[in-house]
Amino acid sequence: MLGKYYDPTVALGCIALIVLLPFAFAGSSAQTAPPASSQPSSATKTIVPDAGQISKGFYNNSFFGFRYRMPYGWVDRTQDMNEDSTSAKSKALLGIFERPPEAAGSTINSAVVIAIESAAAYPGLKSPAQYFGPLGEITQANGLTPANEAYEFPVDGRPIVRRDFMKKMAGGAVMHQSTLAWLDRGYVVSFTFIGGTDDEVQSLIEALAFGKTKTPAQK
């Protein structure tokens, strides 16, 4: 999924970590999430969720029971991200950018990526906070600095955990990233938000809501 979604030489894209987050356990030996066994799991098979749909400016996912109000005019690259992925373990439900990832710019290309990964492959994963355990080497390799430890960040009553990151980009711009992790129905669901300021990231987070997945016009 990397490629055109991340160019470390310019302040655009900036998607390295959000793409790597769903694959974090695959290359990690962290004790918080043991690698999957090569033997078939005896656990109950995970229900395959639908991909959700975009309607009237909202991304709706009835399987997980949430909706996301998409910023007007943003570019949807969800299908491209999934086609470019080399892993069958992770799937992007939504990948939207303020401008096309391939378009150069002097500012941070704000983005929202929502992805899922089956938790069944990682039997040691008991809490969404553990999802952030193996990310130390990944964040350092991509120049991102954790701004805090993972902390509880409930959204509409869901037991979600959040961690924030920063990265200084070429030209002096600073990328701000917040990732929310949630365990539900056998999946790790990650919500990653990127912007040029903390306030921008927070406004992107506030567009996420759980409960009814219909837009106001569909009541």
N, C-alpha and C. Protein backbone atom coordinates (compact mmCIF):
# COMPACT_ATOMS: atom_id res chain seq x y z
N MET A 1 0.80 -1.20 0.00
CA MET A 1 0.00 0.00 0.00
C MET A 1 0.84 1.27 0.00
N LEU A 2 2.11 1.19 0.24
CA LEU A 2 2.92 2.39 0.33
C LEU A 2 2.98 3.07 -1.04
N GLY A 3 4.14 3.03 -1.68
CA GLY A 3 4.25 3.58 -3.03
C GLY A 3 3.79 5.01 -3.11
N LYS A 4 2.80 5.25 -3.96
CA LYS A 4 2.38 6.62 -4.27
C LYS A 4 1.71 7.32 -3.10
N TYR A 5 1.39 6.60 -2.02
CA TYR A 5 0.73 7.24 -0.89
C TYR A 5 1.72 7.86 0.09
N TYR A 6 3.01 7.68 -0.15
CA TYR A 6 3.99 8.26 0.77
C TYR A 6 5.27 8.59 0.03
N ASP A 7 5.66 9.83 0.06
CA ASP A 7 6.92 10.28 -0.51
C ASP A 7 7.65 11.05 0.57
N PRO A 8 8.72 10.50 1.16
CA PRO A 8 9.40 11.14 2.27
C PRO A 8 10.13 12.42 1.89
N THR A 9 10.20 12.74 0.62
CA THR A 9 10.96 13.92 0.21
C THR A 9 10.11 15.18 0.16
N VAL A 10 8.80 15.04 0.20
CA VAL A 10 7.94 16.21 0.16
C VAL A 10 6.83 16.07 1.18
N ALA A 11 6.22 17.20 1.53
CA ALA A 11 5.17 17.19 2.56
C ALA A 11 3.82 16.92 1.92
N LEU A 12 3.67 15.74 1.39
CA LEU A 12 2.39 15.30 0.86
C LEU A 12 2.21 13.85 1.25
N GLY A 13 1.06 13.30 0.99
CA GLY A 13 0.85 11.90 1.35
C GLY A 13 0.99 11.68 2.83
N CYS A 14 2.21 11.48 3.30
CA CYS A 14 2.51 11.30 4.74
C CYS A 14 1.73 10.14 5.32
N ILE A 15 1.62 9.05 4.58
CA ILE A 15 0.73 7.98 4.99
C ILE A 15 1.48 6.74 5.43
N ALA A 16 2.77 6.82 5.65
CA ALA A 16 3.54 5.62 5.98
C ALA A 16 2.97 4.87 7.16
N LEU A 17 2.74 5.57 8.26
CA LEU A 17 2.32 4.86 9.47
C LEU A 17 0.90 4.36 9.37
N ILE A 18 0.00 5.13 8.78
CA ILE A 18 -1.37 4.68 8.76
C ILE A 18 -1.52 3.44 7.89
N VAL A 19 -0.64 3.30 6.90
CA VAL A 19 -0.68 2.10 6.08
C VAL A 19 -0.03 0.94 6.82
N LEU A 20 0.99 1.23 7.60
CA LEU A 20 1.69 0.18 8.31
C LEU A 20 0.97 -0.29 9.56
N LEU A 21 0.13 0.55 10.13
CA LEU A 21 -0.53 0.17 11.37
C LEU A 21 -1.26 -1.17 11.30
N PRO A 22 -2.07 -1.42 10.26
CA PRO A 22 -2.75 -2.70 10.22
C PRO A 22 -1.83 -3.90 10.09
N PHE A 23 -0.57 -3.67 9.64
CA PHE A 23 0.37 -4.77 9.46
C PHE A 23 1.37 -4.84 10.61
N ALA A 24 1.15 -4.05 11.67
CA ALA A 24 2.17 -3.89 12.70
C ALA A 24 2.60 -5.21 13.33
N PHE A 25 1.65 -6.09 13.58
CA PHE A 25 1.97 -7.34 14.26
C PHE A 25 2.75 -8.29 13.36
N ALA A 26 2.56 -8.19 12.06
CA ALA A 26 3.12 -9.19 11.16
C ALA A 26 4.64 -9.26 11.23
N GLY A 27 5.31 -8.10 11.43
CA GLY A 27 6.76 -8.12 11.44
C GLY A 27 7.33 -7.86 12.81
N SER A 28 6.55 -8.05 13.85
CA SER A 28 7.00 -7.70 15.20
C SER A 28 7.11 -8.93 16.07
N SER A 29 8.08 -8.87 17.00
CA SER A 29 8.23 -9.94 17.96
C SER A 29 7.80 -9.48 19.34
N ALA A 30 7.04 -8.36 19.39
CA ALA A 30 6.61 -7.80 20.67
C ALA A 30 5.78 -8.81 21.43
N GLN A 31 5.99 -8.88 22.74
CA GLN A 31 5.29 -9.85 23.54
C GLN A 31 3.83 -9.50 23.75
N THR A 32 3.48 -8.26 23.49
CA THR A 32 2.10 -7.88 23.70
C THR A 32 1.16 -8.52 22.69
N ALA A 33 1.69 -8.95 21.55
CA ALA A 33 0.86 -9.58 20.54
C ALA A 33 1.66 -10.67 19.86
N PRO A 34 1.63 -11.89 20.36
CA PRO A 34 2.40 -12.99 19.81
C PRO A 34 2.06 -13.24 18.35
N PRO A 35 3.03 -13.67 17.56
CA PRO A 35 2.76 -13.95 16.16
C PRO A 35 1.79 -15.10 16.00
N ALA A 36 1.10 -15.07 14.89
CA ALA A 36 0.10 -16.09 14.66
C ALA A 36 0.74 -17.47 14.53
N SER A 37 0.01 -18.48 14.98
CA SER A 37 0.48 -19.85 14.84
C SER A 37 0.33 -20.30 13.41
N SER A 38 1.21 -21.19 12.97
CA SER A 38 1.09 -21.71 11.61
C SER A 38 0.00 -22.75 11.51
N GLN A 39 -0.52 -23.19 12.67
CA GLN A 39 -1.59 -24.17 12.68
C GLN A 39 -2.94 -23.47 12.61
N PRO A 40 -3.93 -24.08 11.99
CA PRO A 40 -5.25 -23.49 11.90
C PRO A 40 -5.80 -23.24 13.30
N SER A 41 -6.45 -22.12 13.46
CA SER A 41 -7.02 -21.77 14.75
C SER A 41 -8.29 -22.57 15.01
N SER A 42 -8.49 -22.92 16.28
CA SER A 42 -9.69 -23.65 16.65
C SER A 42 -10.81 -22.70 17.04
N ALA A 43 -10.51 -21.40 17.02
CA ALA A 43 -11.51 -20.42 17.41
C ALA A 43 -12.61 -20.34 16.37
N THR A 44 -13.74 -19.81 16.77
CA THR A 44 -14.85 -19.65 15.86
C THR A 44 -14.46 -18.72 14.72
N LYS A 45 -14.88 -19.08 13.52
CA LYS A 45 -14.52 -18.28 12.37
C LYS A 45 -15.10 -16.88 12.48
N THR A 46 -14.31 -15.91 12.10
CA THR A 46 -14.73 -14.53 12.16
C THR A 46 -15.71 -14.23 11.03
N ILE A 47 -16.78 -13.51 11.35
CA ILE A 47 -17.74 -13.12 10.33
C ILE A 47 -17.10 -12.09 9.41
N VAL A 48 -17.28 -12.28 8.12
CA VAL A 48 -16.70 -11.35 7.15
C VAL A 48 -17.59 -10.12 7.05
N PRO A 49 -17.05 -8.94 7.35
CA PRO A 49 -17.87 -7.72 7.30
C PRO A 49 -18.01 -7.19 5.89
N ASP A 50 -19.07 -6.39 5.67
CA ASP A 50 -19.17 -5.74 4.38
C ASP A 50 -18.26 -4.51 4.38
N ALA A 51 -18.03 -3.97 3.22
CA ALA A 51 -17.08 -2.87 3.08
C ALA A 51 -17.67 -1.52 3.44
N GLY A 52 -18.97 -1.47 3.68
CA GLY A 52 -19.61 -0.19 3.94
C GLY A 52 -19.89 0.54 2.64
N GLN A 53 -20.48 1.72 2.74
CA GLN A 53 -20.82 2.47 1.54
C GLN A 53 -20.77 3.97 1.79
N ILE A 54 -20.56 4.71 0.72
CA ILE A 54 -20.55 6.16 0.78
C ILE A 54 -21.87 6.68 0.20
N SER A 55 -22.54 7.54 0.95
CA SER A 55 -23.81 8.11 0.50
C SER A 55 -23.98 9.50 1.06
N LYS A 56 -24.22 10.46 0.19
CA LYS A 56 -24.52 11.84 0.59
C LYS A 56 -23.50 12.42 1.55
N GLY A 57 -22.24 12.17 1.24
CA GLY A 57 -21.17 12.77 2.03
C GLY A 57 -20.79 12.02 3.28
N PHE A 58 -21.39 10.85 3.50
CA PHE A 58 -21.08 10.04 4.67
C PHE A 58 -20.58 8.67 4.23
N TYR A 59 -19.58 8.16 4.94
CA TYR A 59 -19.23 6.75 4.83
C TYR A 59 -19.98 6.04 5.95
N ASN A 60 -20.79 5.03 5.59
CA ASN A 60 -21.59 4.29 6.56
C ASN A 60 -21.15 2.84 6.62
N ASN A 61 -20.97 2.31 7.81
CA ASN A 61 -20.63 0.91 7.99
C ASN A 61 -21.58 0.29 9.01
N SER A 62 -22.58 -0.43 8.50
CA SER A 62 -23.60 -1.00 9.38
C SER A 62 -23.06 -2.20 10.16
N PHE A 63 -22.03 -2.88 9.64
CA PHE A 63 -21.48 -4.05 10.33
C PHE A 63 -20.88 -3.64 11.67
N PHE A 64 -20.06 -2.59 11.66
CA PHE A 64 -19.43 -2.11 12.88
C PHE A 64 -20.23 -0.99 13.55
N GLY A 65 -21.26 -0.52 12.88
CA GLY A 65 -22.15 0.46 13.48
C GLY A 65 -21.57 1.85 13.64
N PHE A 66 -20.86 2.34 12.62
CA PHE A 66 -20.35 3.71 12.70
C PHE A 66 -20.51 4.40 11.36
N ARG A 67 -20.38 5.72 11.40
CA ARG A 67 -20.42 6.53 10.18
C ARG A 67 -19.35 7.60 10.27
N TYR A 68 -18.92 8.07 9.11
CA TYR A 68 -17.91 9.12 9.08
C TYR A 68 -18.34 10.20 8.10
N ARG A 69 -18.41 11.43 8.58
CA ARG A 69 -18.77 12.56 7.73
C ARG A 69 -17.54 13.02 6.97
N MET A 70 -17.54 12.81 5.67
CA MET A 70 -16.37 13.07 4.85
C MET A 70 -16.26 14.56 4.52
N PRO A 71 -15.06 15.13 4.63
CA PRO A 71 -14.87 16.54 4.25
C PRO A 71 -15.21 16.74 2.77
N TYR A 72 -15.85 17.83 2.49
CA TYR A 72 -16.28 18.11 1.12
C TYR A 72 -15.08 18.24 0.18
N GLY A 73 -15.17 17.57 -0.96
CA GLY A 73 -14.16 17.70 -2.00
C GLY A 73 -12.94 16.80 -1.85
N TRP A 74 -12.89 16.00 -0.79
CA TRP A 74 -11.73 15.13 -0.60
C TRP A 74 -11.76 13.98 -1.61
N VAL A 75 -10.59 13.41 -1.83
CA VAL A 75 -10.41 12.37 -2.85
C VAL A 75 -10.46 10.98 -2.22
N ASP A 76 -11.27 10.11 -2.78
CA ASP A 76 -11.40 8.74 -2.27
C ASP A 76 -10.41 7.82 -2.99
N ARG A 77 -9.50 7.21 -2.23
CA ARG A 77 -8.52 6.29 -2.80
C ARG A 77 -8.60 4.91 -2.14
N THR A 78 -9.76 4.57 -1.61
CA THR A 78 -9.92 3.30 -0.89
C THR A 78 -9.62 2.11 -1.79
N GLN A 79 -10.22 2.09 -2.95
CA GLN A 79 -10.02 0.96 -3.86
C GLN A 79 -8.57 0.84 -4.28
N ASP A 80 -7.93 1.96 -4.59
CA ASP A 80 -6.53 1.94 -5.00
C ASP A 80 -5.65 1.37 -3.90
N MET A 81 -5.91 1.77 -2.64
CA MET A 81 -5.10 1.30 -1.53
C MET A 81 -5.22 -0.21 -1.37
N ASN A 82 -6.43 -0.73 -1.53
CA ASN A 82 -6.61 -2.18 -1.40
C ASN A 82 -5.99 -2.93 -2.57
N GLU A 83 -6.05 -2.37 -3.75
CA GLU A 83 -5.45 -3.02 -4.91
C GLU A 83 -3.93 -3.02 -4.81
N ASP A 84 -3.36 -1.98 -4.19
CA ASP A 84 -1.91 -1.89 -4.06
C ASP A 84 -1.37 -2.70 -2.89
N SER A 85 -2.25 -3.16 -2.03
CA SER A 85 -1.82 -3.89 -0.84
C SER A 85 -1.26 -5.25 -1.22
N THR A 86 -0.20 -5.67 -0.51
CA THR A 86 0.39 -6.98 -0.74
C THR A 86 -0.01 -7.95 0.36
N SER A 87 -0.88 -7.53 1.25
CA SER A 87 -1.29 -8.38 2.36
C SER A 87 -2.79 -8.64 2.31
N ALA A 88 -3.15 -9.91 2.55
CA ALA A 88 -4.56 -10.27 2.60
C ALA A 88 -5.11 -10.13 4.01
N LYS A 89 -4.23 -9.78 4.97
CA LYS A 89 -4.66 -9.70 6.37
C LYS A 89 -5.35 -8.39 6.69
N SER A 90 -5.11 -7.38 5.90
CA SER A 90 -5.63 -6.05 6.20
C SER A 90 -6.46 -5.52 5.04
N LYS A 91 -7.46 -4.71 5.37
CA LYS A 91 -8.30 -4.12 4.34
C LYS A 91 -8.64 -2.69 4.73
N ALA A 92 -8.50 -1.78 3.79
CA ALA A 92 -8.92 -0.40 4.01
C ALA A 92 -10.42 -0.31 3.75
N LEU A 93 -11.15 0.20 4.73
CA LEU A 93 -12.58 0.45 4.55
C LEU A 93 -12.79 1.82 3.94
N LEU A 94 -11.92 2.75 4.30
CA LEU A 94 -12.01 4.11 3.76
C LEU A 94 -10.63 4.73 3.74
N GLY A 95 -10.26 5.31 2.62
CA GLY A 95 -8.99 6.02 2.50
C GLY A 95 -9.22 7.29 1.71
N ILE A 96 -9.32 8.43 2.40
CA ILE A 96 -9.62 9.69 1.73
C ILE A 96 -8.53 10.72 2.02
N PHE A 97 -8.27 11.60 1.04
CA PHE A 97 -7.20 12.57 1.11
C PHE A 97 -7.72 13.95 0.72
N GLU A 98 -7.11 14.98 1.30
CA GLU A 98 -7.51 16.34 0.98
C GLU A 98 -7.25 16.65 -0.48
N ARG A 99 -6.16 16.13 -1.01
CA ARG A 99 -5.85 16.26 -2.43
C ARG A 99 -5.30 14.92 -2.91
N PRO A 100 -5.27 14.69 -4.21
CA PRO A 100 -4.75 13.41 -4.71
C PRO A 100 -3.35 13.14 -4.17
N PRO A 101 -3.07 11.94 -3.65
CA PRO A 101 -1.75 11.64 -3.09
C PRO A 101 -0.60 11.87 -4.06
N GLU A 102 -0.89 11.75 -5.35
CA GLU A 102 0.18 11.92 -6.35
C GLU A 102 0.43 13.40 -6.67
N ALA A 103 -0.41 14.29 -6.15
CA ALA A 103 -0.26 15.72 -6.44
C ALA A 103 0.69 16.36 -5.43
N ALA A 104 1.74 16.98 -5.94
CA ALA A 104 2.72 17.62 -5.06
C ALA A 104 2.11 18.84 -4.39
N GLY A 105 2.64 19.16 -3.21
CA GLY A 105 2.16 20.32 -2.49
C GLY A 105 3.14 20.69 -1.39
N SER A 106 3.02 21.90 -0.88
CA SER A 106 3.95 22.37 0.15
C SER A 106 3.39 22.22 1.55
N THR A 107 2.19 21.69 1.65
CA THR A 107 1.56 21.51 2.96
C THR A 107 1.21 20.05 3.17
N ILE A 108 0.89 19.72 4.41
CA ILE A 108 0.50 18.34 4.73
C ILE A 108 -0.77 17.98 3.99
N ASN A 109 -0.77 16.84 3.35
CA ASN A 109 -1.96 16.34 2.67
C ASN A 109 -2.79 15.59 3.70
N SER A 110 -3.75 16.28 4.28
CA SER A 110 -4.57 15.69 5.33
C SER A 110 -5.28 14.44 4.83
N ALA A 111 -5.50 13.49 5.71
CA ALA A 111 -6.06 12.21 5.29
C ALA A 111 -6.79 11.52 6.42
N VAL A 112 -7.67 10.63 6.05
CA VAL A 112 -8.37 9.75 6.99
C VAL A 112 -8.33 8.34 6.40
N VAL A 113 -7.84 7.40 7.17
CA VAL A 113 -7.84 6.00 6.73
C VAL A 113 -8.45 5.14 7.82
N ILE A 114 -9.45 4.37 7.44
CA ILE A 114 -10.08 3.42 8.35
C ILE A 114 -9.80 2.03 7.81
N ALA A 115 -9.21 1.17 8.64
CA ALA A 115 -8.79 -0.16 8.19
C ALA A 115 -9.17 -1.22 9.20
N ILE A 116 -9.23 -2.46 8.75
CA ILE A 116 -9.53 -3.58 9.63
C ILE A 116 -8.51 -4.69 9.41
N GLU A 117 -8.31 -5.47 10.46
CA GLU A 117 -7.47 -6.66 10.39
C GLU A 117 -8.07 -7.69 11.33
N SER A 118 -8.12 -8.93 10.91
CA SER A 118 -8.66 -9.98 11.76
C SER A 118 -7.81 -10.15 13.01
N ALA A 119 -8.45 -10.13 14.16
CA ALA A 119 -7.74 -10.34 15.43
C ALA A 119 -7.49 -11.81 15.69
N ALA A 120 -8.14 -12.69 14.94
CA ALA A 120 -8.02 -14.13 15.17
C ALA A 120 -6.60 -14.63 14.92
N ALA A 121 -5.84 -13.92 14.08
CA ALA A 121 -4.48 -14.34 13.77
C ALA A 121 -3.52 -14.04 14.91
N TYR A 122 -3.95 -13.26 15.88
CA TYR A 122 -3.09 -12.83 16.98
C TYR A 122 -3.77 -13.12 18.31
N PRO A 123 -3.73 -14.38 18.75
CA PRO A 123 -4.47 -14.79 19.94
C PRO A 123 -4.05 -14.08 21.22
N GLY A 124 -2.88 -13.44 21.24
CA GLY A 124 -2.44 -12.73 22.44
C GLY A 124 -3.03 -11.35 22.57
N LEU A 125 -3.73 -10.88 21.56
CA LEU A 125 -4.29 -9.54 21.56
C LEU A 125 -5.59 -9.52 22.35
N LYS A 126 -5.57 -8.86 23.51
CA LYS A 126 -6.73 -8.82 24.38
C LYS A 126 -7.30 -7.43 24.55
N SER A 127 -6.51 -6.41 24.24
CA SER A 127 -6.92 -5.03 24.45
C SER A 127 -6.48 -4.18 23.27
N PRO A 128 -7.27 -3.17 22.89
CA PRO A 128 -6.84 -2.30 21.79
C PRO A 128 -5.55 -1.56 22.10
N ALA A 129 -5.23 -1.38 23.39
CA ALA A 129 -3.98 -0.71 23.75
C ALA A 129 -2.77 -1.51 23.28
N GLN A 130 -2.91 -2.85 23.25
CA GLN A 130 -1.81 -3.70 22.81
C GLN A 130 -1.50 -3.50 21.34
N TYR A 131 -2.45 -2.97 20.60
CA TYR A 131 -2.26 -2.74 19.16
C TYR A 131 -1.10 -1.78 18.91
N PHE A 132 -0.84 -0.91 19.88
CA PHE A 132 0.21 0.08 19.70
C PHE A 132 1.57 -0.42 20.19
N GLY A 133 1.60 -1.55 20.87
CA GLY A 133 2.85 -2.05 21.41
C GLY A 133 3.94 -2.28 20.38
N PRO A 134 3.68 -2.95 19.27
CA PRO A 134 4.74 -3.26 18.31
C PRO A 134 5.14 -2.11 17.39
N LEU A 135 4.59 -0.92 17.61
CA LEU A 135 4.79 0.15 16.64
C LEU A 135 6.05 0.98 16.84
N GLY A 136 6.80 0.73 17.93
CA GLY A 136 7.97 1.56 18.22
C GLY A 136 8.96 1.63 17.08
N GLU A 137 9.39 0.48 16.57
CA GLU A 137 10.37 0.47 15.50
C GLU A 137 9.81 1.06 14.21
N ILE A 138 8.52 0.82 13.96
CA ILE A 138 7.91 1.33 12.74
C ILE A 138 7.86 2.85 12.76
N THR A 139 7.44 3.42 13.89
CA THR A 139 7.35 4.87 13.98
C THR A 139 8.73 5.51 13.85
N GLN A 140 9.74 4.92 14.49
CA GLN A 140 11.09 5.47 14.42
C GLN A 140 11.64 5.39 12.99
N ALA A 141 11.38 4.27 12.33
CA ALA A 141 11.89 4.08 10.97
C ALA A 141 11.29 5.10 10.01
N ASN A 142 10.08 5.56 10.30
CA ASN A 142 9.42 6.52 9.42
C ASN A 142 9.47 7.94 9.97
N GLY A 143 10.28 8.14 11.01
CA GLY A 143 10.51 9.49 11.51
C GLY A 143 9.39 10.07 12.33
N LEU A 144 8.44 9.23 12.76
CA LEU A 144 7.35 9.72 13.59
C LEU A 144 7.70 9.57 15.06
N THR A 145 7.38 10.59 15.82
CA THR A 145 7.66 10.59 17.25
C THR A 145 6.36 10.49 18.03
N PRO A 146 6.21 9.49 18.89
CA PRO A 146 4.99 9.40 19.70
C PRO A 146 4.87 10.63 20.60
N ALA A 147 3.70 11.23 20.64
CA ALA A 147 3.47 12.39 21.48
C ALA A 147 3.00 11.99 22.87
N ASN A 148 2.61 10.74 23.05
CA ASN A 148 2.10 10.26 24.33
C ASN A 148 2.02 8.74 24.29
N GLU A 149 1.64 8.17 25.41
CA GLU A 149 1.36 6.74 25.46
C GLU A 149 -0.10 6.53 25.02
N ALA A 150 -0.42 5.31 24.65
CA ALA A 150 -1.80 5.01 24.29
C ALA A 150 -2.70 5.26 25.49
N TYR A 151 -3.86 5.86 25.23
CA TYR A 151 -4.77 6.17 26.33
C TYR A 151 -6.21 5.94 25.90
N GLU A 152 -7.08 5.74 26.89
CA GLU A 152 -8.49 5.50 26.61
C GLU A 152 -9.12 6.75 26.01
N PHE A 153 -9.88 6.54 24.94
CA PHE A 153 -10.51 7.64 24.24
C PHE A 153 -11.88 7.18 23.73
N PRO A 154 -12.83 6.99 24.64
CA PRO A 154 -14.14 6.48 24.24
C PRO A 154 -14.82 7.40 23.24
N VAL A 155 -15.45 6.79 22.23
CA VAL A 155 -16.24 7.53 21.26
C VAL A 155 -17.65 6.95 21.28
N ASP A 156 -18.61 7.75 21.69
CA ASP A 156 -19.99 7.29 21.79
C ASP A 156 -20.10 6.00 22.58
N GLY A 157 -19.30 5.91 23.64
CA GLY A 157 -19.37 4.76 24.54
C GLY A 157 -18.55 3.55 24.13
N ARG A 158 -17.92 3.59 22.97
CA ARG A 158 -17.10 2.45 22.53
C ARG A 158 -15.73 2.51 23.23
N PRO A 159 -15.20 1.34 23.64
CA PRO A 159 -13.91 1.29 24.34
C PRO A 159 -12.73 1.44 23.39
N ILE A 160 -12.52 2.64 22.93
CA ILE A 160 -11.49 2.93 21.94
C ILE A 160 -10.24 3.48 22.63
N VAL A 161 -9.08 3.15 22.07
CA VAL A 161 -7.80 3.63 22.60
C VAL A 161 -7.13 4.49 21.53
N ARG A 162 -6.45 5.53 21.96
CA ARG A 162 -5.86 6.50 21.02
C ARG A 162 -4.37 6.71 21.33
N ARG A 163 -3.61 6.98 20.27
CA ARG A 163 -2.24 7.42 20.45
C ARG A 163 -1.92 8.45 19.37
N ASP A 164 -1.12 9.46 19.73
CA ASP A 164 -0.82 10.57 18.83
C ASP A 164 0.67 10.56 18.46
N PHE A 165 0.95 11.05 17.24
CA PHE A 165 2.31 11.07 16.71
C PHE A 165 2.57 12.40 16.01
N MET A 166 3.84 12.71 15.84
CA MET A 166 4.25 13.91 15.11
C MET A 166 5.44 13.58 14.22
N LYS A 167 5.60 14.37 13.16
CA LYS A 167 6.76 14.21 12.30
C LYS A 167 7.07 15.54 11.63
N LYS A 168 8.34 15.96 11.73
CA LYS A 168 8.77 17.16 11.04
C LYS A 168 9.09 16.82 9.59
N MET A 169 8.48 17.56 8.69
CA MET A 169 8.63 17.29 7.27
C MET A 169 9.59 18.30 6.63
N ALA A 170 10.01 18.00 5.42
CA ALA A 170 10.86 18.92 4.67
C ALA A 170 10.14 20.25 4.49
N GLY A 171 10.89 21.33 4.64
CA GLY A 171 10.28 22.64 4.49
C GLY A 171 9.74 23.21 5.78
N GLY A 172 9.81 22.44 6.87
CA GLY A 172 9.38 22.94 8.17
C GLY A 172 7.98 22.56 8.58
N ALA A 173 7.21 21.95 7.69
CA ALA A 173 5.86 21.54 8.06
C ALA A 173 5.92 20.41 9.09
N VAL A 174 4.90 20.34 9.92
CA VAL A 174 4.81 19.29 10.93
C VAL A 174 3.55 18.47 10.69
N MET A 175 3.72 17.18 10.55
CA MET A 175 2.58 16.28 10.40
C MET A 175 2.10 15.84 11.77
N HIS A 176 0.80 15.96 11.99
CA HIS A 176 0.18 15.49 13.22
C HIS A 176 -0.71 14.30 12.88
N GLN A 177 -0.55 13.23 13.61
CA GLN A 177 -1.31 12.01 13.34
C GLN A 177 -1.88 11.44 14.63
N SER A 178 -3.13 11.07 14.59
CA SER A 178 -3.76 10.37 15.70
C SER A 178 -4.40 9.10 15.17
N THR A 179 -4.15 8.00 15.86
CA THR A 179 -4.73 6.72 15.48
C THR A 179 -5.56 6.18 16.63
N LEU A 180 -6.77 5.78 16.30
CA LEU A 180 -7.68 5.18 17.27
C LEU A 180 -7.79 3.70 16.96
N ALA A 181 -7.76 2.86 17.98
CA ALA A 181 -7.88 1.41 17.78
C ALA A 181 -9.04 0.87 18.60
N TRP A 182 -9.72 -0.11 18.02
CA TRP A 182 -10.92 -0.67 18.63
C TRP A 182 -10.99 -2.15 18.28
N LEU A 183 -11.33 -2.99 19.22
CA LEU A 183 -11.56 -4.41 18.97
C LEU A 183 -13.06 -4.67 18.95
N ASP A 184 -13.54 -5.28 17.87
CA ASP A 184 -14.97 -5.54 17.77
C ASP A 184 -15.24 -6.69 16.81
N ARG A 185 -16.03 -7.64 17.25
CA ARG A 185 -16.50 -8.74 16.42
C ARG A 185 -15.36 -9.47 15.71
N GLY A 186 -14.27 -9.65 16.42
CA GLY A 186 -13.14 -10.41 15.88
C GLY A 186 -12.20 -9.61 15.02
N TYR A 187 -12.30 -8.29 15.02
CA TYR A 187 -11.44 -7.46 14.20
C TYR A 187 -10.78 -6.35 15.01
N VAL A 188 -9.58 -5.97 14.56
CA VAL A 188 -8.98 -4.72 15.00
C VAL A 188 -9.42 -3.67 13.99
N VAL A 189 -10.09 -2.65 14.46
CA VAL A 189 -10.52 -1.54 13.60
C VAL A 189 -9.67 -0.34 13.95
N SER A 190 -8.94 0.20 12.98
CA SER A 190 -8.10 1.37 13.23
C SER A 190 -8.61 2.56 12.45
N PHE A 191 -8.65 3.69 13.12
CA PHE A 191 -9.07 4.96 12.52
C PHE A 191 -7.86 5.90 12.62
N THR A 192 -7.31 6.31 11.50
CA THR A 192 -6.13 7.15 11.52
C THR A 192 -6.42 8.48 10.84
N PHE A 193 -6.02 9.56 11.52
CA PHE A 193 -6.31 10.91 11.05
C PHE A 193 -5.00 11.70 10.96
N ILE A 194 -4.78 12.36 9.84
CA ILE A 194 -3.56 13.13 9.62
C ILE A 194 -3.91 14.55 9.24
N GLY A 195 -3.18 15.51 9.81
CA GLY A 195 -3.41 16.91 9.49
C GLY A 195 -2.18 17.74 9.78
N GLY A 196 -2.29 19.02 9.49
CA GLY A 196 -1.17 19.91 9.69
C GLY A 196 -1.10 20.50 11.09
N THR A 197 -2.20 20.36 11.86
CA THR A 197 -2.23 20.86 13.23
C THR A 197 -3.03 19.90 14.10
N ASP A 198 -2.86 20.03 15.41
CA ASP A 198 -3.66 19.23 16.33
C ASP A 198 -5.14 19.55 16.18
N ASP A 199 -5.46 20.83 16.01
CA ASP A 199 -6.85 21.22 15.88
C ASP A 199 -7.49 20.61 14.64
N GLU A 200 -6.74 20.55 13.56
CA GLU A 200 -7.28 19.94 12.34
C GLU A 200 -7.54 18.45 12.55
N VAL A 201 -6.61 17.78 13.18
CA VAL A 201 -6.79 16.35 13.45
C VAL A 201 -8.01 16.14 14.34
N GLN A 202 -8.16 16.97 15.35
CA GLN A 202 -9.29 16.83 16.25
C GLN A 202 -10.62 17.03 15.52
N SER A 203 -10.65 17.98 14.59
CA SER A 203 -11.88 18.21 13.83
C SER A 203 -12.21 17.01 12.95
N LEU A 204 -11.17 16.34 12.44
CA LEU A 204 -11.40 15.14 11.63
C LEU A 204 -11.94 14.01 12.50
N ILE A 205 -11.43 13.89 13.72
CA ILE A 205 -11.90 12.86 14.63
C ILE A 205 -13.36 13.08 14.99
N GLU A 206 -13.73 14.33 15.17
CA GLU A 206 -15.10 14.64 15.59
C GLU A 206 -16.14 14.29 14.54
N ALA A 207 -15.71 14.00 13.32
CA ALA A 207 -16.64 13.60 12.27
C ALA A 207 -17.00 12.12 12.35
N LEU A 208 -16.37 11.39 13.29
CA LEU A 208 -16.65 9.97 13.49
C LEU A 208 -17.75 9.81 14.52
N ALA A 209 -18.72 8.97 14.23
CA ALA A 209 -19.83 8.76 15.17
C ALA A 209 -20.30 7.31 15.10
N PHE A 210 -20.73 6.80 16.24
CA PHE A 210 -21.28 5.45 16.32
C PHE A 210 -22.77 5.52 16.60
N GLY A 211 -23.46 4.44 16.25
CA GLY A 211 -24.90 4.40 16.45
C GLY A 211 -25.58 4.22 15.12
N LYS A 212 -26.55 5.06 14.83
CA LYS A 212 -27.24 4.98 13.55
C LYS A 212 -26.26 5.29 12.42
N THR A 213 -26.33 4.51 11.38
CA THR A 213 -25.41 4.70 10.26
C THR A 213 -26.06 5.40 9.07
N LYS A 214 -27.24 5.94 9.27
CA LYS A 214 -27.90 6.68 8.19
C LYS A 214 -27.62 8.16 8.31
N THR A 215 -27.55 8.83 7.18
CA THR A 215 -27.38 10.26 7.20
C THR A 215 -28.69 10.92 7.62
N PRO A 216 -28.66 12.19 8.08
CA PRO A 216 -29.89 12.86 8.49
C PRO A 216 -30.97 12.83 7.44
N ALA A 217 -30.59 12.92 6.16
CA ALA A 217 -31.57 12.93 5.08
C ALA A 217 -32.24 11.60 4.88
N GLN A 218 -31.66 10.54 5.50
CA GLN A 218 -32.21 9.20 5.31
C GLN A 218 -33.09 8.77 6.47
N LYS A 219 -33.37 9.64 7.43
CA LYS A 219 -34.22 9.27 8.57
C LYS A 219 -35.61 8.94 8.12
